Amino acid sequence: MMFRAFLAILEIGSFWHVFPIVVAILAGTFIIYFAKSKLNRKQQVNLLCVLTVSLSLFVLLVPVYKLITHEFHIKRDLPLYLNNFTALIFPIVLILKKPLLFRILFFWSMAWGVQGILTPDVTNNPQSLEYFRYWIANLMPMVIVFYVLFILKIFPDFNSVFLSIVSLQIYFIIVMIINEILHSNYMYLNAKPASITVLDYLGPWPYYLIVMQFMLIPYFLLFYFPFYLLKKQSSSNL
């Protein structure tokens, strides 16, 4: 009954669903505009460092807080969902200064973030820590990759589409092993989430995992398509 009541609060299109999305769009737009118009190159990179480190620390501190308050559960609170893992490695990617890694994180952030926006899997009330963790971990990586796109001008290319998918398969395997050890369901690899998601239309376990793998290629290509058009237009103008 409590779960049903919460679903009524977080109904798709409701205030508590739309509000964090609008905040992220406004905040992201302001940050990018401010960096582009007011900061030099070094300051822009420093701001990116602040964004990535802040996000990473937030993702790390949530399970630490739960551990201190005796609310931590190893089967659900490790930062192993793709959005949380992406948040953790953003600072490492920034230190390594490898554009390819940014391109991979672009697809990871967009793929998981868009799915999280369209079919939110939040099973706590909007005043809870879980609510804030969910939306920050889903939306902030998208803000960061758009910052990298507009400020650092690092755009995804065709090769990075498939490298992102291959690297994601490796991560899937790692998480599957962890799930087997902990008897957990990180990345929803052992069962579908309680809330309604696109996985509900892909068949029962384990078939939805197989279907999902085939969907990754067109899904990632969809995010690459605007950059393909932009590159094609730039080439035609030469």
C-alpha atoms as a PDB file:
ATOM      1  CA  MET A   1       0.000   0.000   0.000  1.00  0.00           C
ATOM      2  CA  MET A   2       2.804   2.414   0.860  1.00  0.00           C
ATOM      3  CA  PHE A   3       4.531   1.574  -2.409  1.00  0.00           C
ATOM      4  CA  ARG A   4       1.337   2.232  -4.364  1.00  0.00           C
ATOM      5  CA  ALA A   5       0.887   5.534  -2.552  1.00  0.00           C
ATOM      6  CA  PHE A   6       4.366   6.584  -3.497  1.00  0.00           C
ATOM      7  CA  LEU A   7       3.833   5.680  -7.126  1.00  0.00           C
ATOM      8  CA  ALA A   8       0.862   8.077  -7.108  1.00  0.00           C
ATOM      9  CA  ILE A   9       3.208  10.835  -5.865  1.00  0.00           C
ATOM     10  CA  LEU A  10       5.865  10.118  -8.467  1.00  0.00           C
ATOM     11  CA  GLU A  11       3.557   9.479 -11.374  1.00  0.00           C
ATOM     12  CA  ILE A  12       5.240  10.126 -14.698  1.00  0.00           C
ATOM     13  CA  GLY A  13       4.643  13.750 -15.599  1.00  0.00           C
ATOM     14  CA  SER A  14       3.867  14.743 -12.018  1.00  0.00           C
ATOM     15  CA  PHE A  15       5.476  17.695 -10.260  1.00  0.00           C
ATOM     16  CA  TRP A  16       8.030  15.548  -8.390  1.00  0.00           C
ATOM     17  CA  HIS A  17       9.012  13.911 -11.678  1.00  0.00           C
ATOM     18  CA  VAL A  18       9.307  17.087 -13.743  1.00  0.00           C
ATOM     19  CA  PHE A  19      10.762  19.385 -11.063  1.00  0.00           C
ATOM     20  CA  PRO A  20      14.309  17.901 -10.836  1.00  0.00           C
ATOM     21  CA  ILE A  21      14.506  17.713 -14.642  1.00  0.00           C
ATOM     22  CA  VAL A  22      13.633  21.404 -15.005  1.00  0.00           C
ATOM     23  CA  VAL A  23      16.135  22.320 -12.271  1.00  0.00           C
ATOM     24  CA  ALA A  24      18.875  20.337 -14.043  1.00  0.00           C
ATOM     25  CA  ILE A  25      18.119  21.990 -17.404  1.00  0.00           C
ATOM     26  CA  LEU A  26      18.164  25.486 -15.895  1.00  0.00           C
ATOM     27  CA  ALA A  27      21.269  24.829 -13.804  1.00  0.00           C
ATOM     28  CA  GLY A  28      23.105  23.167 -16.687  1.00  0.00           C
ATOM     29  CA  THR A  29      22.238  25.993 -19.073  1.00  0.00           C
ATOM     30  CA  PHE A  30      23.419  28.609 -16.569  1.00  0.00           C
ATOM     31  CA  ILE A  31      26.692  26.760 -15.844  1.00  0.00           C
ATOM     32  CA  ILE A  32      27.495  26.356 -19.535  1.00  0.00           C
ATOM     33  CA  TYR A  33      26.573  29.976 -20.331  1.00  0.00           C
ATOM     34  CA  PHE A  34      28.618  31.255 -17.390  1.00  0.00           C
ATOM     35  CA  ALA A  35      31.655  29.153 -18.337  1.00  0.00           C
ATOM     36  CA  LYS A  36      31.437  30.128 -22.000  1.00  0.00           C
ATOM     37  CA  SER A  37      30.979  33.856 -21.465  1.00  0.00           C
ATOM     38  CA  LYS A  38      32.872  34.595 -18.246  1.00  0.00           C
ATOM     39  CA  LEU A  39      35.722  32.083 -17.867  1.00  0.00           C
ATOM     40  CA  ASN A  40      38.998  31.515 -19.637  1.00  0.00           C
ATOM     41  CA  ARG A  41      40.146  28.045 -20.663  1.00  0.00           C
ATOM     42  CA  LYS A  42      41.919  27.238 -17.406  1.00  0.00           C
ATOM     43  CA  GLN A  43      38.946  28.402 -15.349  1.00  0.00           C
ATOM     44  CA  GLN A  44      36.602  26.330 -17.517  1.00  0.00           C
ATOM     45  CA  VAL A  45      38.648  23.207 -16.821  1.00  0.00           C
ATOM     46  CA  ASN A  46      38.765  24.060 -13.106  1.00  0.00           C
ATOM     47  CA  LEU A  47      34.985  24.388 -13.037  1.00  0.00           C
ATOM     48  CA  LEU A  48      34.702  20.990 -14.708  1.00  0.00           C
ATOM     49  CA  CYS A  49      36.943  19.580 -11.982  1.00  0.00           C
ATOM     50  CA  VAL A  50      34.650  21.049  -9.318  1.00  0.00           C
ATOM     51  CA  LEU A  51      31.571  19.547 -11.000  1.00  0.00           C
ATOM     52  CA  THR A  52      33.031  16.069 -11.435  1.00  0.00           C
ATOM     53  CA  VAL A  53      34.643  15.856  -7.992  1.00  0.00           C
ATOM     54  CA  SER A  54      31.490  17.172  -6.286  1.00  0.00           C
ATOM     55  CA  LEU A  55      29.350  14.587  -8.050  1.00  0.00           C
ATOM     56  CA  SER A  56      31.790  11.793  -7.271  1.00  0.00           C
ATOM     57  CA  LEU A  57      31.972  12.759  -3.601  1.00  0.00           C
ATOM     58  CA  PHE A  58      28.191  12.911  -3.348  1.00  0.00           C
ATOM     59  CA  VAL A  59      27.852   9.403  -4.780  1.00  0.00           C
ATOM     60  CA  LEU A  60      30.489   8.126  -2.355  1.00  0.00           C
ATOM     61  CA  LEU A  61      29.139   9.915   0.710  1.00  0.00           C
ATOM     62  CA  VAL A  62      25.586   8.593   0.386  1.00  0.00           C
ATOM     63  CA  PRO A  63      26.529   4.969   1.201  1.00  0.00           C
ATOM     64  CA  VAL A  64      28.940   6.242   3.868  1.00  0.00           C
ATOM     65  CA  TYR A  65      26.085   8.177   5.477  1.00  0.00           C
ATOM     66  CA  LYS A  66      23.865   5.097   5.289  1.00  0.00           C
ATOM     67  CA  LEU A  67      26.624   3.044   6.869  1.00  0.00           C
ATOM     68  CA  ILE A  68      26.906   5.533   9.758  1.00  0.00           C
ATOM     69  CA  THR A  69      23.129   5.615  10.260  1.00  0.00           C
ATOM     70  CA  HIS A  70      22.866   1.802  10.008  1.00  0.00           C
ATOM     71  CA  GLU A  71      20.724   2.008   6.860  1.00  0.00           C
ATOM     72  CA  PHE A  72      23.321   0.597   4.501  1.00  0.00           C
ATOM     73  CA  HIS A  73      22.505  -2.634   2.689  1.00  0.00           C
ATOM     74  CA  ILE A  74      25.239  -4.142   0.561  1.00  0.00           C
ATOM     75  CA  LYS A  75      22.716  -5.612  -1.880  1.00  0.00           C
ATOM     76  CA  ARG A  76      21.347  -2.223  -2.915  1.00  0.00           C
ATOM     77  CA  ASP A  77      23.575   0.650  -1.761  1.00  0.00           C
ATOM     78  CA  LEU A  78      26.905   0.100  -3.519  1.00  0.00           C
ATOM     79  CA  PRO A  79      27.498   2.640  -6.326  1.00  0.00           C
ATOM     80  CA  LEU A  80      27.303   0.008  -9.064  1.00  0.00           C
ATOM     81  CA  TYR A  81      24.434   1.277 -11.168  1.00  0.00           C
ATOM     82  CA  LEU A  82      25.798   2.784 -14.349  1.00  0.00           C
ATOM     83  CA  ASN A  83      24.978   6.380 -13.413  1.00  0.00           C
ATOM     84  CA  ASN A  84      26.704   6.043 -10.030  1.00  0.00           C
ATOM     85  CA  PHE A  85      29.741   4.303 -11.495  1.00  0.00           C
ATOM     86  CA  THR A  86      29.995   6.954 -14.215  1.00  0.00           C
ATOM     87  CA  ALA A  87      29.894   9.651 -11.548  1.00  0.00           C
ATOM     88  CA  LEU A  88      32.725   7.945  -9.664  1.00  0.00           C
ATOM     89  CA  ILE A  89      35.087   7.699 -12.625  1.00  0.00           C
ATOM     90  CA  PHE A  90      34.510  11.182 -14.068  1.00  0.00           C
ATOM     91  CA  PRO A  91      37.385  12.706 -12.024  1.00  0.00           C
ATOM     92  CA  ILE A  92      39.703   9.855 -13.100  1.00  0.00           C
ATOM     93  CA  VAL A  93      38.847  10.466 -16.750  1.00  0.00           C
ATOM     94  CA  LEU A  94      39.521  14.159 -16.250  1.00  0.00           C
ATOM     95  CA  ILE A  95      42.953  13.410 -14.788  1.00  0.00           C
ATOM     96  CA  LEU A  96      43.816  11.036 -17.628  1.00  0.00           C
ATOM     97  CA  LYS A  97      42.807  13.659 -20.229  1.00  0.00           C
ATOM     98  CA  LYS A  98      41.739  11.032 -22.758  1.00  0.00           C
ATOM     99  CA  PRO A  99      39.024  12.375 -25.117  1.00  0.00           C
ATOM    100  CA  LEU A 100      37.971   8.815 -25.983  1.00  0.00           C
ATOM    101  CA  LEU A 101      37.025   8.169 -22.356  1.00  0.00           C
ATOM    102  CA  PHE A 102      34.882  11.301 -22.324  1.00  0.00           C
ATOM    103  CA  ARG A 103      33.164  10.058 -25.484  1.00  0.00           C
ATOM    104  CA  ILE A 104      32.420   6.722 -23.842  1.00  0.00           C
ATOM    105  CA  LEU A 105      31.027   8.444 -20.749  1.00  0.00           C
ATOM    106  CA  PHE A 106      28.861  10.594 -23.009  1.00  0.00           C
ATOM    107  CA  PHE A 107      27.014   7.527 -24.267  1.00  0.00           C
ATOM    108  CA  TRP A 108      26.852   5.918 -20.832  1.00  0.00           C
ATOM    109  CA  SER A 109      25.510   9.093 -19.216  1.00  0.00           C
ATOM    110  CA  MET A 110      22.947   9.737 -21.931  1.00  0.00           C
ATOM    111  CA  ALA A 111      21.774   6.136 -22.231  1.00  0.00           C
ATOM    112  CA  TRP A 112      21.180   5.599 -18.524  1.00  0.00           C
ATOM    113  CA  GLY A 113      20.098   9.176 -17.839  1.00  0.00           C
ATOM    114  CA  VAL A 114      17.401   9.298 -20.512  1.00  0.00           C
ATOM    115  CA  GLN A 115      16.026   5.944 -19.395  1.00  0.00           C
ATOM    116  CA  GLY A 116      16.034   7.197 -15.799  1.00  0.00           C
ATOM    117  CA  ILE A 117      14.196  10.376 -16.791  1.00  0.00           C
ATOM    118  CA  LEU A 118      11.514   8.671 -18.869  1.00  0.00           C
ATOM    119  CA  THR A 119      10.856   5.793 -16.464  1.00  0.00           C
ATOM    120  CA  PRO A 120      12.046   6.843 -12.977  1.00  0.00           C
ATOM    121  CA  ASP A 121      12.748   4.033 -10.531  1.00  0.00           C
ATOM    122  CA  VAL A 122      12.428   5.913  -7.249  1.00  0.00           C
ATOM    123  CA  THR A 123      10.708   3.970  -4.509  1.00  0.00           C
ATOM    124  CA  ASN A 124      11.006   6.516  -1.671  1.00  0.00           C
ATOM    125  CA  ASN A 125       9.212   9.762  -0.968  1.00  0.00           C
ATOM    126  CA  PRO A 126      10.467  12.997  -2.554  1.00  0.00           C
ATOM    127  CA  GLN A 127      11.901  14.209   0.766  1.00  0.00           C
ATOM    128  CA  SER A 128      14.146  11.152   1.107  1.00  0.00           C
ATOM    129  CA  LEU A 129      17.868  10.861   0.500  1.00  0.00           C
ATOM    130  CA  GLU A 130      17.188   8.210  -2.138  1.00  0.00           C
ATOM    131  CA  TYR A 131      15.107  10.656  -4.150  1.00  0.00           C
ATOM    132  CA  PHE A 132      17.954  13.176  -4.261  1.00  0.00           C
ATOM    133  CA  ARG A 133      20.567  10.511  -4.950  1.00  0.00           C
ATOM    134  CA  TYR A 134      18.536   9.149  -7.836  1.00  0.00           C
ATOM    135  CA  TRP A 135      18.048  12.447  -9.600  1.00  0.00           C
ATOM    136  CA  ILE A 136      21.503  13.883  -8.931  1.00  0.00           C
ATOM    137  CA  ALA A 137      23.178  10.662 -10.103  1.00  0.00           C
ATOM    138  CA  ASN A 138      21.036  10.553 -13.251  1.00  0.00           C
ATOM    139  CA  LEU A 139      20.988  14.217 -14.215  1.00  0.00           C
ATOM    140  CA  MET A 140      24.394  15.566 -13.177  1.00  0.00           C
ATOM    141  CA  PRO A 141      26.394  13.235 -15.477  1.00  0.00           C
ATOM    142  CA  MET A 142      24.276  14.549 -18.356  1.00  0.00           C
ATOM    143  CA  VAL A 143      25.008  18.148 -17.319  1.00  0.00           C
ATOM    144  CA  ILE A 144      28.718  17.310 -17.233  1.00  0.00           C
ATOM    145  CA  VAL A 145      28.815  15.669 -20.676  1.00  0.00           C
ATOM    146  CA  PHE A 146      26.949  18.624 -22.173  1.00  0.00           C
ATOM    147  CA  TYR A 147      29.467  20.913 -20.482  1.00  0.00           C
ATOM    148  CA  VAL A 148      32.270  18.940 -22.136  1.00  0.00           C
ATOM    149  CA  LEU A 149      30.472  19.145 -25.487  1.00  0.00           C
ATOM    150  CA  PHE A 150      29.822  22.891 -25.453  1.00  0.00           C
ATOM    151  CA  ILE A 151      32.885  24.115 -23.554  1.00  0.00           C
ATOM    152  CA  LEU A 152      35.695  21.661 -24.334  1.00  0.00           C
ATOM    153  CA  LYS A 153      34.317  20.756 -27.780  1.00  0.00           C
ATOM    154  CA  ILE A 154      34.890  17.023 -27.347  1.00  0.00           C
ATOM    155  CA  PHE A 155      32.299  15.376 -29.575  1.00  0.00           C
ATOM    156  CA  PRO A 156      31.469  11.677 -29.913  1.00  0.00           C
ATOM    157  CA  ASP A 157      32.508   9.942 -33.124  1.00  0.00           C
ATOM    158  CA  PHE A 158      31.320   6.779 -34.854  1.00  0.00           C
ATOM    159  CA  ASN A 159      34.033   4.563 -33.375  1.00  0.00           C
ATOM    160  CA  SER A 160      33.185   5.656 -29.838  1.00  0.00           C
ATOM    161  CA  VAL A 161      29.641   4.320 -30.294  1.00  0.00           C
ATOM    162  CA  PHE A 162      30.890   0.749 -30.507  1.00  0.00           C
ATOM    163  CA  LEU A 163      33.687   1.207 -27.999  1.00  0.00           C
ATOM    164  CA  SER A 164      31.064   2.441 -25.535  1.00  0.00           C
ATOM    165  CA  ILE A 165      28.969  -0.666 -26.135  1.00  0.00           C
ATOM    166  CA  VAL A 166      31.938  -3.042 -25.822  1.00  0.00           C
ATOM    167  CA  SER A 167      33.135  -1.391 -22.612  1.00  0.00           C
ATOM    168  CA  LEU A 168      29.578  -1.554 -21.286  1.00  0.00           C
ATOM    169  CA  GLN A 169      29.513  -5.319 -21.905  1.00  0.00           C
ATOM    170  CA  ILE A 170      32.668  -5.663 -19.825  1.00  0.00           C
ATOM    171  CA  TYR A 171      31.038  -3.675 -17.044  1.00  0.00           C
ATOM    172  CA  PHE A 172      27.918  -5.843 -17.284  1.00  0.00           C
ATOM    173  CA  ILE A 173      30.041  -8.952 -16.782  1.00  0.00           C
ATOM    174  CA  ILE A 174      31.755  -7.457 -13.734  1.00  0.00           C
ATOM    175  CA  VAL A 175      28.412  -6.481 -12.191  1.00  0.00           C
ATOM    176  CA  MET A 176      26.951  -9.915 -12.973  1.00  0.00           C
ATOM    177  CA  ILE A 177      29.794 -11.505 -11.009  1.00  0.00           C
ATOM    178  CA  ILE A 178      29.202  -9.119  -8.103  1.00  0.00           C
ATOM    179  CA  ASN A 179      25.471  -9.886  -8.221  1.00  0.00           C
ATOM    180  CA  GLU A 180      26.234 -13.591  -8.092  1.00  0.00           C
ATOM    181  CA  ILE A 181      28.453 -13.143  -5.054  1.00  0.00           C
ATOM    182  CA  LEU A 182      26.112 -10.799  -3.170  1.00  0.00           C
ATOM    183  CA  HIS A 183      22.804 -12.222  -4.445  1.00  0.00           C
ATOM    184  CA  SER A 184      21.951  -8.672  -5.481  1.00  0.00           C
ATOM    185  CA  ASN A 185      20.299  -7.069  -8.500  1.00  0.00           C
ATOM    186  CA  TYR A 186      22.569  -4.197  -9.513  1.00  0.00           C
ATOM    187  CA  MET A 187      21.915  -2.919 -13.037  1.00  0.00           C
ATOM    188  CA  TYR A 188      18.699  -4.990 -12.961  1.00  0.00           C
ATOM    189  CA  LEU A 189      20.614  -7.944 -14.377  1.00  0.00           C
ATOM    190  CA  ASN A 190      18.815 -10.521 -12.226  1.00  0.00           C
ATOM    191  CA  ALA A 191      15.302  -9.051 -12.159  1.00  0.00           C
ATOM    192  CA  LYS A 192      13.337  -6.082 -13.441  1.00  0.00           C
ATOM    193  CA  PRO A 193      12.873  -3.036 -11.187  1.00  0.00           C
ATOM    194  CA  ALA A 194       9.662  -2.685  -9.195  1.00  0.00           C
ATOM    195  CA  SER A 195       8.582   0.405 -11.112  1.00  0.00           C
ATOM    196  CA  ILE A 196       7.423   0.439 -14.721  1.00  0.00           C
ATOM    197  CA  THR A 197      10.361   0.690 -17.145  1.00  0.00           C
ATOM    198  CA  VAL A 198      11.130  -0.124 -20.752  1.00  0.00           C
ATOM    199  CA  LEU A 199      12.367  -3.534 -19.551  1.00  0.00           C
ATOM    200  CA  ASP A 200       8.737  -4.526 -18.986  1.00  0.00           C
ATOM    201  CA  TYR A 201       8.273  -4.609 -22.760  1.00  0.00           C
ATOM    202  CA  LEU A 202      11.326  -6.749 -23.486  1.00  0.00           C
ATOM    203  CA  GLY A 203      10.089 -10.065 -22.137  1.00  0.00           C
ATOM    204  CA  PRO A 204      10.833 -12.022 -18.938  1.00  0.00           C
ATOM    205  CA  TRP A 205      14.262 -12.669 -17.436  1.00  0.00           C
ATOM    206  CA  PRO A 206      16.715 -13.569 -18.931  1.00  0.00           C
ATOM    207  CA  TYR A 207      15.284 -12.739 -22.356  1.00  0.00           C
ATOM    208  CA  TYR A 208      15.032  -9.016 -21.669  1.00  0.00           C
ATOM    209  CA  LEU A 209      18.817  -8.966 -21.157  1.00  0.00           C
ATOM    210  CA  ILE A 210      19.354 -10.446 -24.616  1.00  0.00           C
ATOM    211  CA  VAL A 211      16.900  -8.053 -26.249  1.00  0.00           C
ATOM    212  CA  MET A 212      18.534  -5.166 -24.414  1.00  0.00           C
ATOM    213  CA  GLN A 213      21.921  -6.041 -25.939  1.00  0.00           C
ATOM    214  CA  PHE A 214      20.480  -5.841 -29.452  1.00  0.00           C
ATOM    215  CA  MET A 215      18.816  -2.534 -28.627  1.00  0.00           C
ATOM    216  CA  LEU A 216      22.046  -0.922 -27.449  1.00  0.00           C
ATOM    217  CA  ILE A 217      23.391  -0.359 -30.980  1.00  0.00           C
ATOM    218  CA  PRO A 218      20.412   1.636 -32.354  1.00  0.00           C
ATOM    219  CA  TYR A 219      19.989   3.319 -28.952  1.00  0.00           C
ATOM    220  CA  PHE A 220      23.576   4.572 -28.892  1.00  0.00           C
ATOM    221  CA  LEU A 221      23.457   5.463 -32.592  1.00  0.00           C
ATOM    222  CA  LEU A 222      20.448   7.642 -31.815  1.00  0.00           C
ATOM    223  CA  PHE A 223      22.611   9.768 -29.519  1.00  0.00           C
ATOM    224  CA  TYR A 224      25.369   9.892 -32.130  1.00  0.00           C
ATOM    225  CA  PHE A 225      23.054  10.891 -34.999  1.00  0.00           C
ATOM    226  CA  PRO A 226      22.962  14.679 -34.289  1.00  0.00           C
ATOM    227  CA  PHE A 227      26.775  14.750 -34.335  1.00  0.00           C
ATOM    228  CA  TYR A 228      26.814  12.793 -37.586  1.00  0.00           C
ATOM    229  CA  LEU A 229      24.526  15.420 -39.130  1.00  0.00           C
ATOM    230  CA  LEU A 230      26.671  18.226 -37.710  1.00  0.00           C
ATOM    231  CA  LYS A 231      29.839  16.650 -39.111  1.00  0.00           C
ATOM    232  CA  LYS A 232      28.182  16.083 -42.485  1.00  0.00           C
ATOM    233  CA  GLN A 233      27.009  19.676 -42.621  1.00  0.00           C
ATOM    234  CA  SER A 234      30.471  20.967 -41.690  1.00  0.00           C
ATOM    235  CA  SER A 235      32.039  18.853 -44.447  1.00  0.00           C
ATOM    236  CA  SER A 236      29.586  20.131 -47.048  1.00  0.00           C
ATOM    237  CA  ASN A 237      30.394  23.743 -46.139  1.00  0.00           C
ATOM    238  CA  LEU A 238      34.117  23.291 -46.841  1.00  0.00           C
END
